PDB file of all heavy atoms in Angstrom:
ATOM      1  N   PRO A   1       8.802 -11.837 -11.126  1.00  0.00           N
ATOM      2  CA  PRO A   1       8.999 -10.665 -11.984  1.00  0.00           C
ATOM      3  C   PRO A   1       8.456  -9.404 -11.309  1.00  0.00           C
ATOM      4  O   PRO A   1       7.510  -9.473 -10.520  1.00  0.00           O
ATOM      5  CB  PRO A   1       8.184 -11.008 -13.237  1.00  0.00           C
ATOM      6  CG  PRO A   1       7.895 -12.466 -13.162  1.00  0.00           C
ATOM      7  CD  PRO A   1       7.891 -12.837 -11.724  1.00  0.00           C
ATOM      8  N   LYS A   2       9.066  -8.283 -11.623  1.00  0.00           N
ATOM      9  CA  LYS A   2       8.542  -7.022 -11.084  1.00  0.00           C
ATOM     10  C   LYS A   2       7.182  -6.741 -11.707  1.00  0.00           C
ATOM     11  O   LYS A   2       7.039  -6.714 -12.923  1.00  0.00           O
ATOM     12  CB  LYS A   2       9.504  -5.872 -11.375  1.00  0.00           C
ATOM     13  CG  LYS A   2       9.108  -4.575 -10.678  1.00  0.00           C
ATOM     14  CD  LYS A   2      10.170  -3.500 -10.844  1.00  0.00           C
ATOM     15  CE  LYS A   2       9.761  -2.232 -10.099  1.00  0.00           C
ATOM     16  NZ  LYS A   2      10.800  -1.167 -10.214  1.00  0.00           N
ATOM     17  N   PRO A   3       6.153  -6.553 -10.887  1.00  0.00           N
ATOM     18  CA  PRO A   3       4.806  -6.389 -11.435  1.00  0.00           C
ATOM     19  C   PRO A   3       4.561  -5.006 -12.024  1.00  0.00           C
ATOM     20  O   PRO A   3       5.249  -4.032 -11.686  1.00  0.00           O
ATOM     21  CB  PRO A   3       3.907  -6.622 -10.215  1.00  0.00           C
ATOM     22  CG  PRO A   3       4.751  -6.284  -9.033  1.00  0.00           C
ATOM     23  CD  PRO A   3       6.164  -6.602  -9.414  1.00  0.00           C
ATOM     24  N   ASN A   4       3.566  -4.938 -12.906  1.00  0.00           N
ATOM     25  CA  ASN A   4       3.076  -3.642 -13.390  1.00  0.00           C
ATOM     26  C   ASN A   4       2.269  -2.927 -12.316  1.00  0.00           C
ATOM     27  O   ASN A   4       2.233  -1.698 -12.261  1.00  0.00           O
ATOM     28  CB  ASN A   4       2.193  -3.832 -14.625  1.00  0.00           C
ATOM     29  CG  ASN A   4       2.967  -4.343 -15.815  1.00  0.00           C
ATOM     30  OD1 ASN A   4       4.145  -4.042 -15.974  1.00  0.00           O
ATOM     31  ND2 ASN A   4       2.312  -5.140 -16.650  1.00  0.00           N
ATOM     32  N   ALA A   5       1.587  -3.711 -11.489  1.00  0.00           N
ATOM     33  CA  ALA A   5       0.741  -3.154 -10.424  1.00  0.00           C
ATOM     34  C   ALA A   5       0.455  -4.264  -9.427  1.00  0.00           C
ATOM     35  O   ALA A   5       0.708  -5.441  -9.700  1.00  0.00           O
ATOM     36  CB  ALA A   5      -0.566  -2.600 -10.998  1.00  0.00           C
ATOM     37  N   ILE A   6      -0.082  -3.874  -8.286  1.00  0.00           N
ATOM     38  CA  ILE A   6      -0.422  -4.814  -7.218  1.00  0.00           C
ATOM     39  C   ILE A   6      -1.875  -4.608  -6.823  1.00  0.00           C
ATOM     40  O   ILE A   6      -2.334  -3.469  -6.672  1.00  0.00           O
ATOM     41  CB  ILE A   6       0.475  -4.580  -5.980  1.00  0.00           C
ATOM     42  CG1 ILE A   6       1.937  -4.886  -6.304  1.00  0.00           C
ATOM     43  CG2 ILE A   6       0.012  -5.437  -4.791  1.00  0.00           C
ATOM     44  CD1 ILE A   6       2.919  -4.434  -5.237  1.00  0.00           C
ATOM     45  N   LEU A   7      -2.596  -5.708  -6.672  1.00  0.00           N
ATOM     46  CA  LEU A   7      -3.930  -5.686  -6.083  1.00  0.00           C
ATOM     47  C   LEU A   7      -3.854  -6.469  -4.777  1.00  0.00           C
ATOM     48  O   LEU A   7      -3.473  -7.642  -4.791  1.00  0.00           O
ATOM     49  CB  LEU A   7      -4.969  -6.303  -7.024  1.00  0.00           C
ATOM     50  CG  LEU A   7      -6.436  -6.228  -6.582  1.00  0.00           C
ATOM     51  CD1 LEU A   7      -7.360  -6.307  -7.793  1.00  0.00           C
ATOM     52  CD2 LEU A   7      -6.822  -7.324  -5.583  1.00  0.00           C
ATOM     53  N   CYS A   8      -4.188  -5.818  -3.679  1.00  0.00           N
ATOM     54  CA  CYS A   8      -4.075  -6.449  -2.363  1.00  0.00           C
ATOM     55  C   CYS A   8      -5.454  -6.592  -1.720  1.00  0.00           C
ATOM     56  O   CYS A   8      -6.235  -5.635  -1.681  1.00  0.00           O
ATOM     57  CB  CYS A   8      -3.169  -5.621  -1.461  1.00  0.00           C
ATOM     58  SG  CYS A   8      -2.895  -6.351   0.181  1.00  0.00           S
ATOM     59  N   VAL A   9      -5.729  -7.779  -1.216  1.00  0.00           N
ATOM     60  CA  VAL A   9      -6.923  -8.036  -0.407  1.00  0.00           C
ATOM     61  C   VAL A   9      -6.451  -8.193   1.029  1.00  0.00           C
ATOM     62  O   VAL A   9      -5.793  -9.178   1.369  1.00  0.00           O
ATOM     63  CB  VAL A   9      -7.662  -9.306  -0.876  1.00  0.00           C
ATOM     64  CG1 VAL A   9      -8.901  -9.540  -0.014  1.00  0.00           C
ATOM     65  CG2 VAL A   9      -8.041  -9.195  -2.343  1.00  0.00           C
ATOM     66  N   SER A  10      -6.756  -7.202   1.855  1.00  0.00           N
ATOM     67  CA  SER A  10      -6.256  -7.161   3.233  1.00  0.00           C
ATOM     68  C   SER A  10      -7.354  -7.504   4.221  1.00  0.00           C
ATOM     69  O   SER A  10      -8.519  -7.132   4.039  1.00  0.00           O
ATOM     70  CB  SER A  10      -5.715  -5.757   3.536  1.00  0.00           C
ATOM     71  OG  SER A  10      -5.584  -5.541   4.927  1.00  0.00           O
ATOM     72  N   ALA A  11      -6.956  -8.167   5.294  1.00  0.00           N
ATOM     73  CA  ALA A  11      -7.888  -8.479   6.382  1.00  0.00           C
ATOM     74  C   ALA A  11      -8.470  -7.228   7.026  1.00  0.00           C
ATOM     75  O   ALA A  11      -9.502  -7.303   7.696  1.00  0.00           O
ATOM     76  CB  ALA A  11      -7.159  -9.295   7.453  1.00  0.00           C
ATOM     77  N   HIS A  12      -7.830  -6.089   6.801  1.00  0.00           N
ATOM     78  CA  HIS A  12      -8.174  -4.887   7.565  1.00  0.00           C
ATOM     79  C   HIS A  12      -9.066  -3.904   6.823  1.00  0.00           C
ATOM     80  O   HIS A  12      -9.224  -2.763   7.270  1.00  0.00           O
ATOM     81  CB  HIS A  12      -6.893  -4.218   8.056  1.00  0.00           C
ATOM     82  CG  HIS A  12      -6.168  -5.076   9.043  1.00  0.00           C
ATOM     83  ND1 HIS A  12      -6.545  -5.172  10.362  1.00  0.00           N
ATOM     84  CD2 HIS A  12      -5.123  -5.935   8.891  1.00  0.00           C
ATOM     85  CE1 HIS A  12      -5.757  -6.027  10.991  1.00  0.00           C
ATOM     86  NE2 HIS A  12      -4.892  -6.513  10.114  1.00  0.00           N
ATOM     87  N   TRP A  13      -9.665  -4.355   5.712  1.00  0.00           N
ATOM     88  CA  TRP A  13     -10.664  -3.498   5.053  1.00  0.00           C
ATOM     89  C   TRP A  13     -11.924  -4.323   4.805  1.00  0.00           C
ATOM     90  O   TRP A  13     -12.060  -4.992   3.805  1.00  0.00           O
ATOM     91  CB  TRP A  13     -10.131  -2.931   3.739  1.00  0.00           C
ATOM     92  CG  TRP A  13     -11.016  -1.842   3.178  1.00  0.00           C
ATOM     93  CD1 TRP A  13     -11.893  -1.058   3.874  1.00  0.00           C
ATOM     94  CD2 TRP A  13     -11.101  -1.433   1.808  1.00  0.00           C
ATOM     95  NE1 TRP A  13     -12.520  -0.184   3.017  1.00  0.00           N
ATOM     96  CE2 TRP A  13     -12.043  -0.377   1.750  1.00  0.00           C
ATOM     97  CE3 TRP A  13     -10.456  -1.825   0.641  1.00  0.00           C
ATOM     98  CZ2 TRP A  13     -12.363   0.272   0.555  1.00  0.00           C
ATOM     99  CZ3 TRP A  13     -10.770  -1.194  -0.554  1.00  0.00           C
ATOM    100  CH2 TRP A  13     -11.707  -0.152  -0.596  1.00  0.00           C
ATOM    101  N   GLU A  14     -12.823  -4.262   5.778  1.00  0.00           N
ATOM    102  CA  GLU A  14     -14.107  -4.956   5.686  1.00  0.00           C
ATOM    103  C   GLU A  14     -15.205  -3.949   5.407  1.00  0.00           C
ATOM    104  O   GLU A  14     -15.265  -2.881   6.038  1.00  0.00           O
ATOM    105  CB  GLU A  14     -14.414  -5.689   6.986  1.00  0.00           C
ATOM    106  CG  GLU A  14     -13.496  -6.850   7.297  1.00  0.00           C
ATOM    107  CD  GLU A  14     -13.927  -7.562   8.562  1.00  0.00           C
ATOM    108  OE1 GLU A  14     -13.547  -7.108   9.666  1.00  0.00           O
ATOM    109  OE2 GLU A  14     -14.659  -8.554   8.448  1.00  0.00           O
ATOM    110  N   THR A  15     -16.076  -4.281   4.471  1.00  0.00           N
ATOM    111  CA  THR A  15     -17.141  -3.378   4.059  1.00  0.00           C
ATOM    112  C   THR A  15     -18.422  -4.165   3.804  1.00  0.00           C
ATOM    113  O   THR A  15     -18.392  -5.386   3.653  1.00  0.00           O
ATOM    114  CB  THR A  15     -16.762  -2.641   2.756  1.00  0.00           C
ATOM    115  OG1 THR A  15     -16.422  -3.616   1.751  1.00  0.00           O
ATOM    116  CG2 THR A  15     -15.582  -1.696   2.961  1.00  0.00           C
ATOM    117  N   LYS A  16     -19.527  -3.472   3.716  1.00  0.00           N
ATOM    118  CA  LYS A  16     -20.773  -4.062   3.213  1.00  0.00           C
ATOM    119  C   LYS A  16     -20.791  -3.832   1.717  1.00  0.00           C
ATOM    120  O   LYS A  16     -20.875  -2.701   1.256  1.00  0.00           O
ATOM    121  CB  LYS A  16     -21.990  -3.400   3.875  1.00  0.00           C
ATOM    122  CG  LYS A  16     -23.332  -4.000   3.444  1.00  0.00           C
ATOM    123  CD  LYS A  16     -23.466  -5.441   3.925  1.00  0.00           C
ATOM    124  CE  LYS A  16     -24.912  -5.917   3.866  1.00  0.00           C
ATOM    125  NZ  LYS A  16     -25.442  -6.001   2.504  1.00  0.00           N
ATOM    126  N   GLY A  17     -20.631  -4.885   0.962  1.00  0.00           N
ATOM    127  CA  GLY A  17     -20.400  -4.751  -0.465  1.00  0.00           C
ATOM    128  C   GLY A  17     -18.908  -4.835  -0.751  1.00  0.00           C
ATOM    129  O   GLY A  17     -18.088  -4.932   0.155  1.00  0.00           O
ATOM    130  N   THR A  18     -18.562  -4.821  -2.039  1.00  0.00           N
ATOM    131  CA  THR A  18     -17.167  -4.927  -2.471  1.00  0.00           C
ATOM    132  C   THR A  18     -16.723  -3.622  -3.106  1.00  0.00           C
ATOM    133  O   THR A  18     -17.428  -3.062  -3.959  1.00  0.00           O
ATOM    134  CB  THR A  18     -17.006  -6.073  -3.485  1.00  0.00           C
ATOM    135  OG1 THR A  18     -17.403  -7.301  -2.868  1.00  0.00           O
ATOM    136  CG2 THR A  18     -15.564  -6.209  -3.951  1.00  0.00           C
ATOM    137  N   PHE A  19     -15.551  -3.152  -2.700  1.00  0.00           N
ATOM    138  CA  PHE A  19     -15.007  -1.894  -3.202  1.00  0.00           C
ATOM    139  C   PHE A  19     -13.552  -2.080  -3.601  1.00  0.00           C
ATOM    140  O   PHE A  19     -12.846  -2.937  -3.061  1.00  0.00           O
ATOM    141  CB  PHE A  19     -15.102  -0.793  -2.131  1.00  0.00           C
ATOM    142  CG  PHE A  19     -16.507  -0.430  -1.764  1.00  0.00           C
ATOM    143  CD1 PHE A  19     -17.210  -1.166  -0.806  1.00  0.00           C
ATOM    144  CD2 PHE A  19     -17.152   0.636  -2.379  1.00  0.00           C
ATOM    145  CE1 PHE A  19     -18.512  -0.847  -0.476  1.00  0.00           C
ATOM    146  CE2 PHE A  19     -18.465   0.963  -2.049  1.00  0.00           C
ATOM    147  CZ  PHE A  19     -19.150   0.222  -1.091  1.00  0.00           C
ATOM    148  N   VAL A  20     -13.097  -1.245  -4.538  1.00  0.00           N
ATOM    149  CA  VAL A  20     -11.677  -1.156  -4.855  1.00  0.00           C
ATOM    150  C   VAL A  20     -11.262   0.301  -4.748  1.00  0.00           C
ATOM    151  O   VAL A  20     -12.030   1.212  -5.076  1.00  0.00           O
ATOM    152  CB  VAL A  20     -11.347  -1.702  -6.269  1.00  0.00           C
ATOM    153  CG1 VAL A  20     -11.482  -3.205  -6.312  1.00  0.00           C
ATOM    154  CG2 VAL A  20     -12.214  -1.052  -7.337  1.00  0.00           C
ATOM    155  N   THR A  21     -10.037   0.514  -4.262  1.00  0.00           N
ATOM    156  CA  THR A  21      -9.542   1.883  -4.167  1.00  0.00           C
ATOM    157  C   THR A  21      -9.220   2.385  -5.566  1.00  0.00           C
ATOM    158  O   THR A  21      -8.606   1.687  -6.365  1.00  0.00           O
ATOM    159  CB  THR A  21      -8.294   1.963  -3.284  1.00  0.00           C
ATOM    160  OG1 THR A  21      -7.295   1.053  -3.763  1.00  0.00           O
ATOM    161  CG2 THR A  21      -8.630   1.617  -1.837  1.00  0.00           C
ATOM    162  N   ALA A  22      -9.635   3.613  -5.860  1.00  0.00           N
ATOM    163  CA  ALA A  22      -9.521   4.133  -7.225  1.00  0.00           C
ATOM    164  C   ALA A  22      -8.875   5.514  -7.277  1.00  0.00           C
ATOM    165  O   ALA A  22      -8.975   6.204  -8.288  1.00  0.00           O
ATOM    166  CB  ALA A  22     -10.907   4.180  -7.877  1.00  0.00           C
ATOM    167  N   MET A  23      -8.200   5.900  -6.188  1.00  0.00           N
ATOM    168  CA  MET A  23      -7.539   7.203  -6.182  1.00  0.00           C
ATOM    169  C   MET A  23      -6.141   7.119  -6.783  1.00  0.00           C
ATOM    170  O   MET A  23      -5.542   6.055  -6.854  1.00  0.00           O
ATOM    171  CB  MET A  23      -7.482   7.778  -4.762  1.00  0.00           C
ATOM    172  CG  MET A  23      -6.577   7.032  -3.789  1.00  0.00           C
ATOM    173  SD  MET A  23      -7.230   5.436  -3.231  1.00  0.00           S
ATOM    174  CE  MET A  23      -8.519   5.969  -2.097  1.00  0.00           C
ATOM    175  N   GLU A  24      -5.622   8.262  -7.226  1.00  0.00           N
ATOM    176  CA  GLU A  24      -4.293   8.286  -7.829  1.00  0.00           C
ATOM    177  C   GLU A  24      -3.190   8.154  -6.778  1.00  0.00           C
ATOM    178  O   GLU A  24      -2.117   7.601  -7.063  1.00  0.00           O
ATOM    179  CB  GLU A  24      -4.101   9.574  -8.632  1.00  0.00           C
ATOM    180  CG  GLU A  24      -4.990   9.663  -9.861  1.00  0.00           C
ATOM    181  CD  GLU A  24      -4.941  11.035 -10.501  1.00  0.00           C
ATOM    182  OE1 GLU A  24      -3.995  11.805 -10.194  1.00  0.00           O
ATOM    183  OE2 GLU A  24      -5.838  11.357 -11.295  1.00  0.00           O
ATOM    184  N   ASN A  25      -3.433   8.684  -5.584  1.00  0.00           N
ATOM    185  CA  ASN A  25      -2.398   8.690  -4.542  1.00  0.00           C
ATOM    186  C   ASN A  25      -3.001   8.238  -3.213  1.00  0.00           C
ATOM    187  O   ASN A  25      -3.419   9.062  -2.400  1.00  0.00           O
ATOM    188  CB  ASN A  25      -1.795  10.089  -4.411  1.00  0.00           C
ATOM    189  CG  ASN A  25      -1.070  10.525  -5.670  1.00  0.00           C
ATOM    190  OD1 ASN A  25      -0.014   9.993  -5.997  1.00  0.00           O
ATOM    191  ND2 ASN A  25      -1.648  11.472  -6.389  1.00  0.00           N
ATOM    192  N   PRO A  26      -3.059   6.925  -2.984  1.00  0.00           N
ATOM    193  CA  PRO A  26      -3.655   6.431  -1.733  1.00  0.00           C
ATOM    194  C   PRO A  26      -2.821   6.826  -0.517  1.00  0.00           C
ATOM    195  O   PRO A  26      -1.587   6.779  -0.556  1.00  0.00           O
ATOM    196  CB  PRO A  26      -3.674   4.907  -1.921  1.00  0.00           C
ATOM    197  CG  PRO A  26      -2.630   4.632  -2.958  1.00  0.00           C
ATOM    198  CD  PRO A  26      -2.592   5.825  -3.848  1.00  0.00           C
ATOM    199  N   LYS A  27      -3.506   7.195   0.548  1.00  0.00           N
ATOM    200  CA  LYS A  27      -2.809   7.556   1.781  1.00  0.00           C
ATOM    201  C   LYS A  27      -2.368   6.303   2.527  1.00  0.00           C
ATOM    202  O   LYS A  27      -2.919   5.218   2.336  1.00  0.00           O
ATOM    203  CB  LYS A  27      -3.726   8.400   2.670  1.00  0.00           C
ATOM    204  CG  LYS A  27      -4.979   7.671   3.127  1.00  0.00           C
ATOM    205  CD  LYS A  27      -5.929   8.611   3.861  1.00  0.00           C
ATOM    206  CE  LYS A  27      -7.233   7.882   4.217  1.00  0.00           C
ATOM    207  NZ  LYS A  27      -8.219   8.779   4.839  1.00  0.00           N
ATOM    208  N   THR A  28      -1.370   6.463   3.378  1.00  0.00           N
ATOM    209  CA  THR A  28      -0.917   5.395   4.256  1.00  0.00           C
ATOM    210  C   THR A  28      -1.749   5.439   5.526  1.00  0.00           C
ATOM    211  O   THR A  28      -1.705   6.428   6.275  1.00  0.00           O
ATOM    212  CB  THR A  28       0.573   5.566   4.605  1.00  0.00           C
ATOM    213  OG1 THR A  28       1.342   5.614   3.395  1.00  0.00           O
ATOM    214  CG2 THR A  28       1.070   4.420   5.470  1.00  0.00           C
ATOM    215  N   ILE A  29      -2.538   4.400   5.779  1.00  0.00           N
ATOM    216  CA  ILE A  29      -3.447   4.374   6.925  1.00  0.00           C
ATOM    217  C   ILE A  29      -2.762   3.677   8.100  1.00  0.00           C
ATOM    218  O   ILE A  29      -2.275   2.551   7.964  1.00  0.00           O
ATOM    219  CB  ILE A  29      -4.754   3.634   6.570  1.00  0.00           C
ATOM    220  CG1 ILE A  29      -5.425   4.269   5.350  1.00  0.00           C
ATOM    221  CG2 ILE A  29      -5.703   3.629   7.761  1.00  0.00           C
ATOM    222  CD1 ILE A  29      -6.608   3.467   4.833  1.00  0.00           C
ATOM    223  N   HIS A  30      -2.751   4.337   9.245  1.00  0.00           N
ATOM    224  CA  HIS A  30      -2.190   3.747  10.472  1.00  0.00           C
ATOM    225  C   HIS A  30      -3.369   3.286  11.329  1.00  0.00           C
ATOM    226  O   HIS A  30      -3.797   3.962  12.267  1.00  0.00           O
ATOM    227  CB  HIS A  30      -1.305   4.768  11.191  1.00  0.00           C
ATOM    228  CG  HIS A  30      -0.147   5.211  10.347  1.00  0.00           C
ATOM    229  ND1 HIS A  30      -0.233   6.273   9.473  1.00  0.00           N
ATOM    230  CD2 HIS A  30       1.108   4.703  10.214  1.00  0.00           C
ATOM    231  CE1 HIS A  30       0.929   6.415   8.847  1.00  0.00           C
ATOM    232  NE2 HIS A  30       1.761   5.471   9.281  1.00  0.00           N
ATOM    233  N   ASP A  31      -3.890   2.122  10.970  1.00  0.00           N
ATOM    234  CA  ASP A  31      -5.141   1.619  11.546  1.00  0.00           C
ATOM    235  C   ASP A  31      -4.848   0.694  12.713  1.00  0.00           C
ATOM    236  O   ASP A  31      -5.190  -0.481  12.701  1.00  0.00           O
ATOM    237  CB  ASP A  31      -5.995   0.929  10.476  1.00  0.00           C
ATOM    238  CG  ASP A  31      -5.206  -0.107   9.666  1.00  0.00           C
ATOM    239  OD1 ASP A  31      -3.977   0.042   9.535  1.00  0.00           O
ATOM    240  OD2 ASP A  31      -5.825  -1.055   9.156  1.00  0.00           O
ATOM    241  N   PHE A  32      -4.187   1.252  13.742  1.00  0.00           N
ATOM    242  CA  PHE A  32      -3.833   0.483  14.937  1.00  0.00           C
ATOM    243  C   PHE A  32      -3.522   1.474  16.044  1.00  0.00           C
ATOM    244  O   PHE A  32      -3.462   2.691  15.809  1.00  0.00           O
ATOM    245  CB  PHE A  32      -2.617  -0.417  14.658  1.00  0.00           C
ATOM    246  CG  PHE A  32      -1.530   0.243  13.839  1.00  0.00           C
ATOM    247  CD1 PHE A  32      -0.747   1.257  14.367  1.00  0.00           C
ATOM    248  CD2 PHE A  32      -1.300  -0.131  12.525  1.00  0.00           C
ATOM    249  CE1 PHE A  32       0.245   1.873  13.624  1.00  0.00           C
ATOM    250  CE2 PHE A  32      -0.315   0.484  11.756  1.00  0.00           C
ATOM    251  CZ  PHE A  32       0.458   1.489  12.316  1.00  0.00           C
ATOM    252  N   GLY A  33      -3.334   0.958  17.239  1.00  0.00           N
ATOM    253  CA  GLY A  33      -3.006   1.821  18.373  1.00  0.00           C
ATOM    254  C   GLY A  33      -2.031   1.146  19.309  1.00  0.00           C
ATOM    255  O   GLY A  33      -1.846  -0.081  19.274  1.00  0.00           O
ATOM    256  N   GLY A  34      -1.385   1.956  20.162  1.00  0.00           N
ATOM    257  CA  GLY A  34      -0.521   1.408  21.191  1.00  0.00           C
ATOM    258  C   GLY A  34       0.866   1.005  20.740  1.00  0.00           C
ATOM    259  O   GLY A  34       1.569   0.288  21.453  1.00  0.00           O
ATOM    260  N   PHE A  35       1.280   1.468  19.569  1.00  0.00           N
ATOM    261  CA  PHE A  35       2.598   1.134  19.047  1.00  0.00           C
ATOM    262  C   PHE A  35       3.511   2.358  19.094  1.00  0.00           C
ATOM    263  O   PHE A  35       3.044   3.486  19.261  1.00  0.00           O
ATOM    264  CB  PHE A  35       2.478   0.604  17.611  1.00  0.00           C
ATOM    265  CG  PHE A  35       1.837  -0.752  17.517  1.00  0.00           C
ATOM    266  CD1 PHE A  35       0.472  -0.878  17.257  1.00  0.00           C
ATOM    267  CD2 PHE A  35       2.584  -1.908  17.705  1.00  0.00           C
ATOM    268  CE1 PHE A  35      -0.123  -2.125  17.172  1.00  0.00           C
ATOM    269  CE2 PHE A  35       2.005  -3.162  17.621  1.00  0.00           C
ATOM    270  CZ  PHE A  35       0.652  -3.271  17.365  1.00  0.00           C
ATOM    271  N   PRO A  36       4.819   2.172  18.924  1.00  0.00           N
ATOM    272  CA  PRO A  36       5.743   3.299  18.993  1.00  0.00           C
ATOM    273  C   PRO A  36       5.482   4.343  17.908  1.00  0.00           C
ATOM    274  O   PRO A  36       5.003   4.021  16.807  1.00  0.00           O
ATOM    275  CB  PRO A  36       7.123   2.642  18.789  1.00  0.00           C
ATOM    276  CG  PRO A  36       6.925   1.204  19.104  1.00  0.00           C
ATOM    277  CD  PRO A  36       5.511   0.892  18.750  1.00  0.00           C
ATOM    278  N   GLN A  37       5.854   5.585  18.215  1.00  0.00           N
ATOM    279  CA  GLN A  37       5.656   6.668  17.263  1.00  0.00           C
ATOM    280  C   GLN A  37       6.388   6.402  15.954  1.00  0.00           C
ATOM    281  O   GLN A  37       5.954   6.823  14.877  1.00  0.00           O
ATOM    282  CB  GLN A  37       6.128   7.991  17.871  1.00  0.00           C
ATOM    283  CG  GLN A  37       5.869   9.213  16.992  1.00  0.00           C
ATOM    284  CD  GLN A  37       4.397   9.358  16.604  1.00  0.00           C
ATOM    285  OE1 GLN A  37       3.515   9.121  17.418  1.00  0.00           O
ATOM    286  NE2 GLN A  37       4.143   9.732  15.353  1.00  0.00           N
ATOM    287  N   GLU A  38       7.493   5.675  16.031  1.00  0.00           N
ATOM    288  CA  GLU A  38       8.258   5.346  14.837  1.00  0.00           C
ATOM    289  C   GLU A  38       7.400   4.630  13.798  1.00  0.00           C
ATOM    290  O   GLU A  38       7.552   4.833  12.583  1.00  0.00           O
ATOM    291  CB  GLU A  38       9.448   4.461  15.232  1.00  0.00           C
ATOM    292  CG  GLU A  38      10.334   4.045  14.079  1.00  0.00           C
ATOM    293  CD  GLU A  38      11.400   3.044  14.481  1.00  0.00           C
ATOM    294  OE1 GLU A  38      11.440   2.627  15.666  1.00  0.00           O
ATOM    295  OE2 GLU A  38      12.182   2.647  13.597  1.00  0.00           O
ATOM    296  N   LEU A  39       6.477   3.797  14.267  1.00  0.00           N
ATOM    297  CA  LEU A  39       5.608   3.070  13.351  1.00  0.00           C
ATOM    298  C   LEU A  39       4.583   4.003  12.710  1.00  0.00           C
ATOM    299  O   LEU A  39       4.294   3.904  11.515  1.00  0.00           O
ATOM    300  CB  LEU A  39       4.900   1.929  14.090  1.00  0.00           C
ATOM    301  CG  LEU A  39       4.024   1.000  13.260  1.00  0.00           C
ATOM    302  CD1 LEU A  39       4.806   0.358  12.116  1.00  0.00           C
ATOM    303  CD2 LEU A  39       3.395  -0.073  14.131  1.00  0.00           C
ATOM    304  N   PHE A  40       4.062   4.945  13.496  1.00  0.00           N
ATOM    305  CA  PHE A  40       3.073   5.882  12.959  1.00  0.00           C
ATOM    306  C   PHE A  40       3.706   6.862  11.969  1.00  0.00           C
ATOM    307  O   PHE A  40       3.003   7.484  11.172  1.00  0.00           O
ATOM    308  CB  PHE A  40       2.400   6.656  14.102  1.00  0.00           C
ATOM    309  CG  PHE A  40       1.472   5.810  14.923  1.00  0.00           C
ATOM    310  CD1 PHE A  40       1.915   5.143  16.051  1.00  0.00           C
ATOM    311  CD2 PHE A  40       0.139   5.656  14.546  1.00  0.00           C
ATOM    312  CE1 PHE A  40       1.064   4.343  16.801  1.00  0.00           C
ATOM    313  CE2 PHE A  40      -0.724   4.866  15.287  1.00  0.00           C
ATOM    314  CZ  PHE A  40      -0.265   4.210  16.422  1.00  0.00           C
ATOM    315  N   ALA A  41       5.020   6.993  12.025  1.00  0.00           N
ATOM    316  CA  ALA A  41       5.712   7.906  11.119  1.00  0.00           C
ATOM    317  C   ALA A  41       5.955   7.299   9.742  1.00  0.00           C
ATOM    318  O   ALA A  41       6.291   8.012   8.792  1.00  0.00           O
ATOM    319  CB  ALA A  41       7.041   8.335  11.726  1.00  0.00           C
ATOM    320  N   VAL A  42       5.768   5.974   9.619  1.00  0.00           N
ATOM    321  CA  VAL A  42       6.044   5.316   8.340  1.00  0.00           C
ATOM    322  C   VAL A  42       5.024   5.753   7.286  1.00  0.00           C
ATOM    323  O   VAL A  42       3.812   5.760   7.529  1.00  0.00           O
ATOM    324  CB  VAL A  42       6.001   3.785   8.488  1.00  0.00           C
ATOM    325  CG1 VAL A  42       6.167   3.103   7.124  1.00  0.00           C
ATOM    326  CG2 VAL A  42       7.096   3.312   9.444  1.00  0.00           C
ATOM    327  N   GLN A  43       5.523   6.106   6.131  1.00  0.00           N
ATOM    328  CA  GLN A  43       4.683   6.382   4.971  1.00  0.00           C
ATOM    329  C   GLN A  43       5.086   5.437   3.844  1.00  0.00           C
ATOM    330  O   GLN A  43       6.269   5.126   3.678  1.00  0.00           O
ATOM    331  CB  GLN A  43       4.842   7.836   4.508  1.00  0.00           C
ATOM    332  CG  GLN A  43       4.358   8.868   5.512  1.00  0.00           C
ATOM    333  CD  GLN A  43       2.851   8.835   5.685  1.00  0.00           C
ATOM    334  OE1 GLN A  43       2.097   8.778   4.698  1.00  0.00           O
ATOM    335  NE2 GLN A  43       2.397   8.860   6.933  1.00  0.00           N
TER     336      GLN A  43
END
């Protein structure tokens, strides 16, 4: 079914303690290097 919302636990957000994102408009993070510009352009 189409969800009301999504909660994602990603390998790429490690912290001391537990956090949840609480902003209205989360940014698209390009947390990598060495890939084509086309990938960095994705939002």
